[in-house]
């Protein structure tokens, strides 16, 4: 992650309650790859053996398989699959941290998503995961003077996955896009580590400003389905945004907000809701 902007005084460390420790301190990518291969070998369906071979078993490493996957998914007549896969491998060689981030994202999905029984399933089939990994490559291209190719990958990802992430946005590790459909992340948005988003989330501008105009989402935030967060505002560490909320002002750390416009409800919590994926709201103190 790039250095983040200083938070408002109201969001300083001294105001934060204790937090749960990170779930990951490091990942053995080779061990993860062996687990993925083992999961793929457990399927005996003759109709998908070719898919599992092409997607997993024919590759020597996690990075090689991921590059091939991105190539197959985002390649088209303008940029051929094999040429794109080769480019992705060059990006991985230039910045191995991209592969490490992709592995961390995959582990986060299995930890948080109850629909995931192994690593092979999200690696092959979860378009939210695919969209984030395509973004990571596009982000590298954007920062290395290849803006048009980065925007092409953004466009392809939007067409295929219905997930639109501007390549200039900044995303940390262990990011979960659950379902993924309809997620939009604007150019100057920031998502720190350990953030979980559900379908239909928008991190957008208000339409009135230029320059730095998108939300800054701090660590451990959970954003519910259909929530819209607009403007250069800060969503504090450990905050929870209720489904369908319209958020136009900064949210304090470890606070739950809901509604249109969003307002704080209940008392402050002390854990990171992105880890638990608990979307329940505290008892409300008002009735609509």
C-alpha atoms as a PDB file:
ATOM      1  CA  UNK A   1       0.000   0.000   0.000  1.00  0.00           C
ATOM      2  CA  UNK A   2       1.114   3.529  -0.690  1.00  0.00           C
ATOM      3  CA  UNK A   3       1.386   5.862   2.261  1.00  0.00           C
ATOM      4  CA  UNK A   4      -2.096   6.832   3.325  1.00  0.00           C
ATOM      5  CA  UNK A   5      -3.347  10.336   3.988  1.00  0.00           C
ATOM      6  CA  UNK A   6      -3.408  11.520   7.618  1.00  0.00           C
ATOM      7  CA  UNK A   7      -6.809  10.858   9.192  1.00  0.00           C
ATOM      8  CA  UNK A   8      -8.937  13.511  10.806  1.00  0.00           C
ATOM      9  CA  UNK A   9      -8.217  14.282  14.438  1.00  0.00           C
ATOM     10  CA  UNK A  10     -11.440  12.515  15.389  1.00  0.00           C
ATOM     11  CA  UNK A  11     -10.074   9.269  13.951  1.00  0.00           C
ATOM     12  CA  UNK A  12      -6.719   9.160  15.749  1.00  0.00           C
ATOM     13  CA  UNK A  13      -5.251   6.006  17.251  1.00  0.00           C
ATOM     14  CA  UNK A  14      -5.988   7.161  20.788  1.00  0.00           C
ATOM     15  CA  UNK A  15      -9.698   7.084  20.012  1.00  0.00           C
ATOM     16  CA  UNK A  16      -9.652   3.516  18.771  1.00  0.00           C
ATOM     17  CA  UNK A  17     -10.707   0.540  20.886  1.00  0.00           C
ATOM     18  CA  UNK A  18      -8.642  -2.668  20.853  1.00  0.00           C
ATOM     19  CA  UNK A  19      -8.799  -4.621  17.605  1.00  0.00           C
ATOM     20  CA  UNK A  20      -8.435  -8.256  16.708  1.00  0.00           C
ATOM     21  CA  UNK A  21      -5.011  -9.109  15.273  1.00  0.00           C
ATOM     22  CA  UNK A  22      -4.585  -9.713  11.539  1.00  0.00           C
ATOM     23  CA  UNK A  23      -5.494 -13.226  10.452  1.00  0.00           C
ATOM     24  CA  UNK A  24      -2.405 -13.479   8.245  1.00  0.00           C
ATOM     25  CA  UNK A  25       1.204 -12.691   9.034  1.00  0.00           C
ATOM     26  CA  UNK A  26       2.545 -14.298   5.877  1.00  0.00           C
ATOM     27  CA  UNK A  27       1.667 -16.921   3.306  1.00  0.00           C
ATOM     28  CA  UNK A  28       3.689 -19.846   1.966  1.00  0.00           C
ATOM     29  CA  UNK A  29       2.678 -19.486  -1.671  1.00  0.00           C
ATOM     30  CA  UNK A  30       4.179 -22.843  -2.644  1.00  0.00           C
ATOM     31  CA  UNK A  31       2.149 -24.590   0.057  1.00  0.00           C
ATOM     32  CA  UNK A  32      -0.956 -22.705  -1.071  1.00  0.00           C
ATOM     33  CA  UNK A  33      -0.350 -23.850  -4.640  1.00  0.00           C
ATOM     34  CA  UNK A  34      -0.023 -27.476  -3.531  1.00  0.00           C
ATOM     35  CA  UNK A  35      -3.357 -27.136  -1.730  1.00  0.00           C
ATOM     36  CA  UNK A  36      -4.968 -25.704  -4.878  1.00  0.00           C
ATOM     37  CA  UNK A  37      -3.619 -28.566  -7.014  1.00  0.00           C
ATOM     38  CA  UNK A  38      -4.806 -31.133  -4.470  1.00  0.00           C
ATOM     39  CA  UNK A  39      -8.278 -29.590  -4.524  1.00  0.00           C
ATOM     40  CA  UNK A  40      -8.373 -29.765  -8.308  1.00  0.00           C
ATOM     41  CA  UNK A  41      -7.273 -33.409  -8.295  1.00  0.00           C
ATOM     42  CA  UNK A  42     -10.220 -34.329  -6.100  1.00  0.00           C
ATOM     43  CA  UNK A  43     -12.733 -33.778  -8.926  1.00  0.00           C
ATOM     44  CA  UNK A  44     -13.608 -36.762 -11.113  1.00  0.00           C
ATOM     45  CA  UNK A  45     -16.210 -35.132 -13.353  1.00  0.00           C
ATOM     46  CA  UNK A  46     -15.071 -35.897 -16.928  1.00  0.00           C
ATOM     47  CA  UNK A  47     -16.623 -32.712 -18.287  1.00  0.00           C
ATOM     48  CA  UNK A  48     -14.463 -30.435 -16.163  1.00  0.00           C
ATOM     49  CA  UNK A  49     -11.173 -32.343 -16.198  1.00  0.00           C
ATOM     50  CA  UNK A  50      -9.992 -30.237 -19.115  1.00  0.00           C
ATOM     51  CA  UNK A  51     -10.913 -27.040 -17.284  1.00  0.00           C
ATOM     52  CA  UNK A  52      -9.028 -28.127 -14.180  1.00  0.00           C
ATOM     53  CA  UNK A  53      -6.005 -29.076 -16.267  1.00  0.00           C
ATOM     54  CA  UNK A  54      -5.975 -25.800 -18.186  1.00  0.00           C
ATOM     55  CA  UNK A  55      -6.658 -23.731 -15.091  1.00  0.00           C
ATOM     56  CA  UNK A  56      -4.496 -25.501 -12.532  1.00  0.00           C
ATOM     57  CA  UNK A  57      -2.755 -28.808 -13.210  1.00  0.00           C
ATOM     58  CA  UNK A  58      -0.882 -27.732 -16.342  1.00  0.00           C
ATOM     59  CA  UNK A  59       0.965 -24.997 -14.440  1.00  0.00           C
ATOM     60  CA  UNK A  60       4.058 -25.237 -12.282  1.00  0.00           C
ATOM     61  CA  UNK A  61       3.245 -22.432  -9.859  1.00  0.00           C
ATOM     62  CA  UNK A  62       0.552 -20.180  -8.464  1.00  0.00           C
ATOM     63  CA  UNK A  63       1.881 -17.189 -10.390  1.00  0.00           C
ATOM     64  CA  UNK A  64       1.956 -19.041 -13.709  1.00  0.00           C
ATOM     65  CA  UNK A  65      -1.595 -20.311 -13.247  1.00  0.00           C
ATOM     66  CA  UNK A  66      -2.841 -16.857 -12.246  1.00  0.00           C
ATOM     67  CA  UNK A  67      -1.186 -15.243 -15.271  1.00  0.00           C
ATOM     68  CA  UNK A  68      -2.805 -17.814 -17.569  1.00  0.00           C
ATOM     69  CA  UNK A  69      -6.180 -17.258 -15.912  1.00  0.00           C
ATOM     70  CA  UNK A  70      -5.991 -13.483 -16.361  1.00  0.00           C
ATOM     71  CA  UNK A  71      -4.951 -14.002 -19.954  1.00  0.00           C
ATOM     72  CA  UNK A  72      -7.880 -16.318 -20.689  1.00  0.00           C
ATOM     73  CA  UNK A  73     -10.395 -14.106 -18.939  1.00  0.00           C
ATOM     74  CA  UNK A  74      -9.329 -10.681 -20.204  1.00  0.00           C
ATOM     75  CA  UNK A  75      -7.752 -11.537 -23.545  1.00  0.00           C
ATOM     76  CA  UNK A  76      -9.679 -10.652 -26.715  1.00  0.00           C
ATOM     77  CA  UNK A  77      -9.100  -9.919 -30.398  1.00  0.00           C
ATOM     78  CA  UNK A  78      -7.287  -6.709 -29.501  1.00  0.00           C
ATOM     79  CA  UNK A  79      -4.909  -8.323 -26.978  1.00  0.00           C
ATOM     80  CA  UNK A  80      -4.610 -12.084 -27.469  1.00  0.00           C
ATOM     81  CA  UNK A  81      -4.866 -14.462 -24.521  1.00  0.00           C
ATOM     82  CA  UNK A  82      -1.313 -15.795 -24.764  1.00  0.00           C
ATOM     83  CA  UNK A  83       0.188 -12.335 -25.266  1.00  0.00           C
ATOM     84  CA  UNK A  84      -1.674 -11.011 -22.236  1.00  0.00           C
ATOM     85  CA  UNK A  85      -0.640 -14.008 -20.106  1.00  0.00           C
ATOM     86  CA  UNK A  86       2.991 -13.404 -21.092  1.00  0.00           C
ATOM     87  CA  UNK A  87       2.656  -9.734 -20.184  1.00  0.00           C
ATOM     88  CA  UNK A  88       1.177 -10.647 -16.800  1.00  0.00           C
ATOM     89  CA  UNK A  89       4.134 -12.940 -16.109  1.00  0.00           C
ATOM     90  CA  UNK A  90       6.454 -10.023 -16.896  1.00  0.00           C
ATOM     91  CA  UNK A  91       4.510  -7.851 -14.449  1.00  0.00           C
ATOM     92  CA  UNK A  92       4.777 -10.544 -11.773  1.00  0.00           C
ATOM     93  CA  UNK A  93       8.529 -10.802 -12.359  1.00  0.00           C
ATOM     94  CA  UNK A  94       8.882  -7.039 -12.027  1.00  0.00           C
ATOM     95  CA  UNK A  95       6.780  -6.910  -8.848  1.00  0.00           C
ATOM     96  CA  UNK A  96       6.438 -10.259  -7.023  1.00  0.00           C
ATOM     97  CA  UNK A  97       4.395  -8.507  -4.336  1.00  0.00           C
ATOM     98  CA  UNK A  98       1.432  -8.635  -6.743  1.00  0.00           C
ATOM     99  CA  UNK A  99       1.504 -12.435  -6.559  1.00  0.00           C
ATOM    100  CA  UNK A 100       1.773 -12.301  -2.773  1.00  0.00           C
ATOM    101  CA  UNK A 101      -1.247  -9.976  -2.636  1.00  0.00           C
ATOM    102  CA  UNK A 102      -3.226 -12.313  -4.893  1.00  0.00           C
ATOM    103  CA  UNK A 103      -2.415 -15.249  -2.614  1.00  0.00           C
ATOM    104  CA  UNK A 104      -3.469 -13.227   0.432  1.00  0.00           C
ATOM    105  CA  UNK A 105      -6.767 -12.338  -1.259  1.00  0.00           C
ATOM    106  CA  UNK A 106      -7.433 -16.015  -1.946  1.00  0.00           C
ATOM    107  CA  UNK A 107      -6.789 -17.029   1.649  1.00  0.00           C
ATOM    108  CA  UNK A 108      -9.069 -14.214   2.845  1.00  0.00           C
ATOM    109  CA  UNK A 109     -11.904 -15.528   0.667  1.00  0.00           C
ATOM    110  CA  UNK A 110     -11.675 -18.999   2.164  1.00  0.00           C
ATOM    111  CA  UNK A 111     -11.534 -17.587   5.697  1.00  0.00           C
ATOM    112  CA  UNK A 112     -14.549 -15.286   5.311  1.00  0.00           C
ATOM    113  CA  UNK A 113     -16.856 -16.885   2.725  1.00  0.00           C
ATOM    114  CA  UNK A 114     -18.854 -19.867   4.029  1.00  0.00           C
ATOM    115  CA  UNK A 115     -19.544 -20.948   0.428  1.00  0.00           C
ATOM    116  CA  UNK A 116     -15.857 -21.721  -0.099  1.00  0.00           C
ATOM    117  CA  UNK A 117     -14.701 -25.233   0.783  1.00  0.00           C
ATOM    118  CA  UNK A 118     -11.252 -25.105  -0.829  1.00  0.00           C
ATOM    119  CA  UNK A 119      -8.881 -22.749  -2.617  1.00  0.00           C
ATOM    120  CA  UNK A 120      -9.393 -24.132  -6.112  1.00  0.00           C
ATOM    121  CA  UNK A 121     -13.038 -23.001  -6.239  1.00  0.00           C
ATOM    122  CA  UNK A 122     -12.521 -19.240  -5.782  1.00  0.00           C
ATOM    123  CA  UNK A 123      -9.346 -19.339  -7.851  1.00  0.00           C
ATOM    124  CA  UNK A 124     -11.198 -20.746 -10.854  1.00  0.00           C
ATOM    125  CA  UNK A 125     -14.737 -19.446 -10.484  1.00  0.00           C
ATOM    126  CA  UNK A 126     -15.113 -16.337  -8.298  1.00  0.00           C
ATOM    127  CA  UNK A 127     -15.334 -13.293 -10.539  1.00  0.00           C
ATOM    128  CA  UNK A 128     -14.824 -10.888  -7.634  1.00  0.00           C
ATOM    129  CA  UNK A 129     -11.412 -12.478  -7.120  1.00  0.00           C
ATOM    130  CA  UNK A 130     -10.664 -12.366 -10.848  1.00  0.00           C
ATOM    131  CA  UNK A 131     -11.614  -8.688 -11.037  1.00  0.00           C
ATOM    132  CA  UNK A 132      -9.298  -7.743  -8.165  1.00  0.00           C
ATOM    133  CA  UNK A 133      -6.366  -9.626  -9.712  1.00  0.00           C
ATOM    134  CA  UNK A 134      -6.976  -8.024 -13.086  1.00  0.00           C
ATOM    135  CA  UNK A 135      -6.976  -4.663 -11.309  1.00  0.00           C
ATOM    136  CA  UNK A 136      -3.633  -5.426  -9.659  1.00  0.00           C
ATOM    137  CA  UNK A 137      -2.017  -5.934 -13.066  1.00  0.00           C
ATOM    138  CA  UNK A 138      -3.748  -2.837 -14.498  1.00  0.00           C
ATOM    139  CA  UNK A 139      -2.580  -0.788 -11.498  1.00  0.00           C
ATOM    140  CA  UNK A 140       1.042  -1.760 -12.176  1.00  0.00           C
ATOM    141  CA  UNK A 141       0.660  -0.862 -15.853  1.00  0.00           C
ATOM    142  CA  UNK A 142      -0.937   2.484 -14.937  1.00  0.00           C
ATOM    143  CA  UNK A 143       1.956   3.347 -12.650  1.00  0.00           C
ATOM    144  CA  UNK A 144       4.523   2.353 -15.270  1.00  0.00           C
ATOM    145  CA  UNK A 145       3.409   4.523 -18.156  1.00  0.00           C
ATOM    146  CA  UNK A 146       1.056   2.092 -19.922  1.00  0.00           C
ATOM    147  CA  UNK A 147      -2.213   3.865 -19.174  1.00  0.00           C
ATOM    148  CA  UNK A 148      -4.093   2.802 -22.303  1.00  0.00           C
ATOM    149  CA  UNK A 149      -3.390  -0.884 -21.740  1.00  0.00           C
ATOM    150  CA  UNK A 150      -4.412  -0.453 -18.084  1.00  0.00           C
ATOM    151  CA  UNK A 151      -7.685   1.146 -19.167  1.00  0.00           C
ATOM    152  CA  UNK A 152      -8.249  -1.660 -21.674  1.00  0.00           C
ATOM    153  CA  UNK A 153      -7.990  -4.215 -18.857  1.00  0.00           C
ATOM    154  CA  UNK A 154     -10.359  -2.121 -16.742  1.00  0.00           C
ATOM    155  CA  UNK A 155     -12.851  -2.060 -19.613  1.00  0.00           C
ATOM    156  CA  UNK A 156     -12.577  -5.811 -20.207  1.00  0.00           C
ATOM    157  CA  UNK A 157     -13.047  -6.527 -16.513  1.00  0.00           C
ATOM    158  CA  UNK A 158     -16.126  -4.317 -16.432  1.00  0.00           C
ATOM    159  CA  UNK A 159     -17.580  -6.083 -19.477  1.00  0.00           C
ATOM    160  CA  UNK A 160     -16.917  -9.607 -18.200  1.00  0.00           C
ATOM    161  CA  UNK A 161     -17.314  -9.345 -14.438  1.00  0.00           C
ATOM    162  CA  UNK A 162     -19.552  -6.270 -13.997  1.00  0.00           C
ATOM    163  CA  UNK A 163     -16.830  -4.924 -11.684  1.00  0.00           C
ATOM    164  CA  UNK A 164     -15.304  -1.547 -12.564  1.00  0.00           C
ATOM    165  CA  UNK A 165     -12.095  -0.605 -10.717  1.00  0.00           C
ATOM    166  CA  UNK A 166     -10.131   2.359 -11.994  1.00  0.00           C
ATOM    167  CA  UNK A 167      -6.481   1.292 -12.352  1.00  0.00           C
ATOM    168  CA  UNK A 168      -5.302   4.357 -10.411  1.00  0.00           C
ATOM    169  CA  UNK A 169      -7.274   3.344  -7.294  1.00  0.00           C
ATOM    170  CA  UNK A 170      -5.237   1.874  -4.425  1.00  0.00           C
ATOM    171  CA  UNK A 171      -6.211  -1.482  -2.917  1.00  0.00           C
ATOM    172  CA  UNK A 172      -4.443  -3.279  -0.098  1.00  0.00           C
ATOM    173  CA  UNK A 173      -4.233  -7.010   0.603  1.00  0.00           C
ATOM    174  CA  UNK A 174      -6.790  -9.541   1.776  1.00  0.00           C
ATOM    175  CA  UNK A 175      -9.567  -7.851  -0.176  1.00  0.00           C
ATOM    176  CA  UNK A 176     -12.870  -9.721  -0.581  1.00  0.00           C
ATOM    177  CA  UNK A 177     -15.431  -8.792  -3.233  1.00  0.00           C
ATOM    178  CA  UNK A 178     -18.267 -11.138  -2.286  1.00  0.00           C
ATOM    179  CA  UNK A 179     -20.264 -11.915  -5.477  1.00  0.00           C
ATOM    180  CA  UNK A 180     -18.730  -8.823  -7.044  1.00  0.00           C
ATOM    181  CA  UNK A 181     -21.517  -7.853  -9.433  1.00  0.00           C
ATOM    182  CA  UNK A 182     -22.008  -4.099  -9.703  1.00  0.00           C
ATOM    183  CA  UNK A 183     -18.997  -2.955  -7.677  1.00  0.00           C
ATOM    184  CA  UNK A 184     -17.591   0.398  -8.857  1.00  0.00           C
ATOM    185  CA  UNK A 185     -14.397   1.932  -7.432  1.00  0.00           C
ATOM    186  CA  UNK A 186     -13.353   5.391  -8.580  1.00  0.00           C
ATOM    187  CA  UNK A 187      -9.967   6.719  -9.548  1.00  0.00           C
ATOM    188  CA  UNK A 188      -8.814   8.251  -6.241  1.00  0.00           C
ATOM    189  CA  UNK A 189     -10.372   5.623  -3.965  1.00  0.00           C
ATOM    190  CA  UNK A 190      -8.278   3.860  -1.329  1.00  0.00           C
ATOM    191  CA  UNK A 191      -9.077   0.472   0.217  1.00  0.00           C
ATOM    192  CA  UNK A 192      -6.684  -0.534   2.962  1.00  0.00           C
ATOM    193  CA  UNK A 193      -5.988  -4.136   3.998  1.00  0.00           C
ATOM    194  CA  UNK A 194      -8.704  -6.546   5.165  1.00  0.00           C
ATOM    195  CA  UNK A 195     -11.709  -4.826   3.559  1.00  0.00           C
ATOM    196  CA  UNK A 196     -14.821  -6.778   2.504  1.00  0.00           C
ATOM    197  CA  UNK A 197     -17.386  -5.507  -0.012  1.00  0.00           C
ATOM    198  CA  UNK A 198     -20.605  -7.107  -1.166  1.00  0.00           C
ATOM    199  CA  UNK A 199     -22.323  -6.717  -4.514  1.00  0.00           C
ATOM    200  CA  UNK A 200     -23.545  -3.366  -5.780  1.00  0.00           C
ATOM    201  CA  UNK A 201     -21.144  -1.203  -3.763  1.00  0.00           C
ATOM    202  CA  UNK A 202     -20.045   2.129  -5.236  1.00  0.00           C
ATOM    203  CA  UNK A 203     -17.051   4.149  -4.073  1.00  0.00           C
ATOM    204  CA  UNK A 204     -17.712   7.219  -6.159  1.00  0.00           C
ATOM    205  CA  UNK A 205     -17.506  10.980  -6.382  1.00  0.00           C
ATOM    206  CA  UNK A 206     -20.273  13.464  -5.774  1.00  0.00           C
ATOM    207  CA  UNK A 207     -20.025  14.823  -9.319  1.00  0.00           C
ATOM    208  CA  UNK A 208     -19.064  18.282  -8.047  1.00  0.00           C
ATOM    209  CA  UNK A 209     -15.318  17.962  -7.543  1.00  0.00           C
ATOM    210  CA  UNK A 210     -12.156  17.116  -9.447  1.00  0.00           C
ATOM    211  CA  UNK A 211      -8.837  15.790  -8.174  1.00  0.00           C
ATOM    212  CA  UNK A 212      -8.948  13.701  -4.996  1.00  0.00           C
ATOM    213  CA  UNK A 213     -12.674  13.016  -4.911  1.00  0.00           C
ATOM    214  CA  UNK A 214     -13.293   9.420  -3.811  1.00  0.00           C
ATOM    215  CA  UNK A 215     -13.610   7.597  -0.454  1.00  0.00           C
ATOM    216  CA  UNK A 216     -10.758   6.366   1.719  1.00  0.00           C
ATOM    217  CA  UNK A 217     -11.733   3.050   3.307  1.00  0.00           C
ATOM    218  CA  UNK A 218      -9.564   2.031   6.235  1.00  0.00           C
ATOM    219  CA  UNK A 219      -8.630  -1.416   7.471  1.00  0.00           C
ATOM    220  CA  UNK A 220     -11.229  -4.023   8.395  1.00  0.00           C
ATOM    221  CA  UNK A 221     -14.287  -2.208   7.023  1.00  0.00           C
ATOM    222  CA  UNK A 222     -17.350  -4.207   5.915  1.00  0.00           C
ATOM    223  CA  UNK A 223     -19.556  -2.565   3.270  1.00  0.00           C
ATOM    224  CA  UNK A 224     -22.980  -4.141   2.761  1.00  0.00           C
ATOM    225  CA  UNK A 225     -24.726  -4.875  -0.520  1.00  0.00           C
ATOM    226  CA  UNK A 226     -25.823  -1.870  -2.538  1.00  0.00           C
ATOM    227  CA  UNK A 227     -24.153   0.751  -0.324  1.00  0.00           C
ATOM    228  CA  UNK A 228     -23.037   3.967  -2.029  1.00  0.00           C
ATOM    229  CA  UNK A 229     -20.148   5.908  -0.507  1.00  0.00           C
ATOM    230  CA  UNK A 230     -19.633   9.223  -2.258  1.00  0.00           C
ATOM    231  CA  UNK A 231     -16.990  11.902  -2.033  1.00  0.00           C
ATOM    232  CA  UNK A 232     -13.542  12.324  -0.528  1.00  0.00           C
ATOM    233  CA  UNK A 233     -14.573  11.052   2.882  1.00  0.00           C
ATOM    234  CA  UNK A 234     -12.998   8.610   5.318  1.00  0.00           C
ATOM    235  CA  UNK A 235     -14.561   5.340   6.439  1.00  0.00           C
ATOM    236  CA  UNK A 236     -12.732   4.697   9.681  1.00  0.00           C
ATOM    237  CA  UNK A 237     -11.026   1.462  10.639  1.00  0.00           C
ATOM    238  CA  UNK A 238     -13.439  -1.315  11.576  1.00  0.00           C
ATOM    239  CA  UNK A 239     -16.567   0.537  10.462  1.00  0.00           C
ATOM    240  CA  UNK A 240     -19.648  -1.299   9.181  1.00  0.00           C
ATOM    241  CA  UNK A 241     -21.793   0.153   6.393  1.00  0.00           C
ATOM    242  CA  UNK A 242     -25.314  -1.275   6.257  1.00  0.00           C
ATOM    243  CA  UNK A 243     -26.759  -2.627   3.014  1.00  0.00           C
ATOM    244  CA  UNK A 244     -28.321   0.029   0.805  1.00  0.00           C
ATOM    245  CA  UNK A 245     -26.883   2.948   2.772  1.00  0.00           C
ATOM    246  CA  UNK A 246     -25.965   6.251   1.146  1.00  0.00           C
ATOM    247  CA  UNK A 247     -22.859   7.586   2.885  1.00  0.00           C
ATOM    248  CA  UNK A 248     -21.975  11.231   2.264  1.00  0.00           C
ATOM    249  CA  UNK A 249     -19.966  12.041   5.402  1.00  0.00           C
ATOM    250  CA  UNK A 250     -16.974  10.436   7.111  1.00  0.00           C
ATOM    251  CA  UNK A 251     -17.656   7.506   9.426  1.00  0.00           C
ATOM    252  CA  UNK A 252     -15.828   7.149  12.742  1.00  0.00           C
ATOM    253  CA  UNK A 253     -13.832   3.958  13.442  1.00  0.00           C
ATOM    254  CA  UNK A 254     -15.727   0.918  14.789  1.00  0.00           C
ATOM    255  CA  UNK A 255     -19.076   2.520  14.060  1.00  0.00           C
ATOM    256  CA  UNK A 256     -22.108   1.092  12.261  1.00  0.00           C
ATOM    257  CA  UNK A 257     -24.043   3.378   9.924  1.00  0.00           C
ATOM    258  CA  UNK A 258     -27.228   2.703   7.994  1.00  0.00           C
ATOM    259  CA  UNK A 259     -29.852   4.567   6.012  1.00  0.00           C
ATOM    260  CA  UNK A 260     -30.234   7.353   3.464  1.00  0.00           C
ATOM    261  CA  UNK A 261     -28.457   9.492   4.371  1.00  0.00           C
ATOM    262  CA  UNK A 262     -26.464   7.120   6.577  1.00  0.00           C
ATOM    263  CA  UNK A 263     -26.391   7.743  10.307  1.00  0.00           C
ATOM    264  CA  UNK A 264     -24.687   5.978  13.202  1.00  0.00           C
ATOM    265  CA  UNK A 265     -26.695   3.353  15.075  1.00  0.00           C
ATOM    266  CA  UNK A 266     -26.001   1.400  18.238  1.00  0.00           C
ATOM    267  CA  UNK A 267     -22.766   1.583  20.215  1.00  0.00           C
ATOM    268  CA  UNK A 268     -19.243   1.287  18.908  1.00  0.00           C
ATOM    269  CA  UNK A 269     -17.958  -2.255  18.470  1.00  0.00           C
ATOM    270  CA  UNK A 270     -14.398  -3.483  19.058  1.00  0.00           C
ATOM    271  CA  UNK A 271     -13.723  -5.983  16.255  1.00  0.00           C
ATOM    272  CA  UNK A 272     -13.108  -5.775  12.522  1.00  0.00           C
ATOM    273  CA  UNK A 273     -16.408  -6.725  10.833  1.00  0.00           C
ATOM    274  CA  UNK A 274     -14.679  -7.542   7.529  1.00  0.00           C
ATOM    275  CA  UNK A 275     -13.291 -10.675   9.203  1.00  0.00           C
ATOM    276  CA  UNK A 276     -16.572 -11.954  10.602  1.00  0.00           C
ATOM    277  CA  UNK A 277     -18.776 -10.811   7.684  1.00  0.00           C
ATOM    278  CA  UNK A 278     -21.503 -10.178  10.271  1.00  0.00           C
ATOM    279  CA  UNK A 279     -23.979  -7.946   8.463  1.00  0.00           C
ATOM    280  CA  UNK A 280     -26.511  -7.744  11.275  1.00  0.00           C
ATOM    281  CA  UNK A 281     -27.228  -4.308  12.685  1.00  0.00           C
ATOM    282  CA  UNK A 282     -27.276  -3.400  16.380  1.00  0.00           C
ATOM    283  CA  UNK A 283     -30.672  -2.564  17.919  1.00  0.00           C
ATOM    284  CA  UNK A 284     -31.898   0.646  16.296  1.00  0.00           C
ATOM    285  CA  UNK A 285     -32.813   3.645  18.390  1.00  0.00           C
ATOM    286  CA  UNK A 286     -35.357   4.964  15.899  1.00  0.00           C
ATOM    287  CA  UNK A 287     -38.177   3.730  13.678  1.00  0.00           C
ATOM    288  CA  UNK A 288     -38.753   4.835  10.075  1.00  0.00           C
END
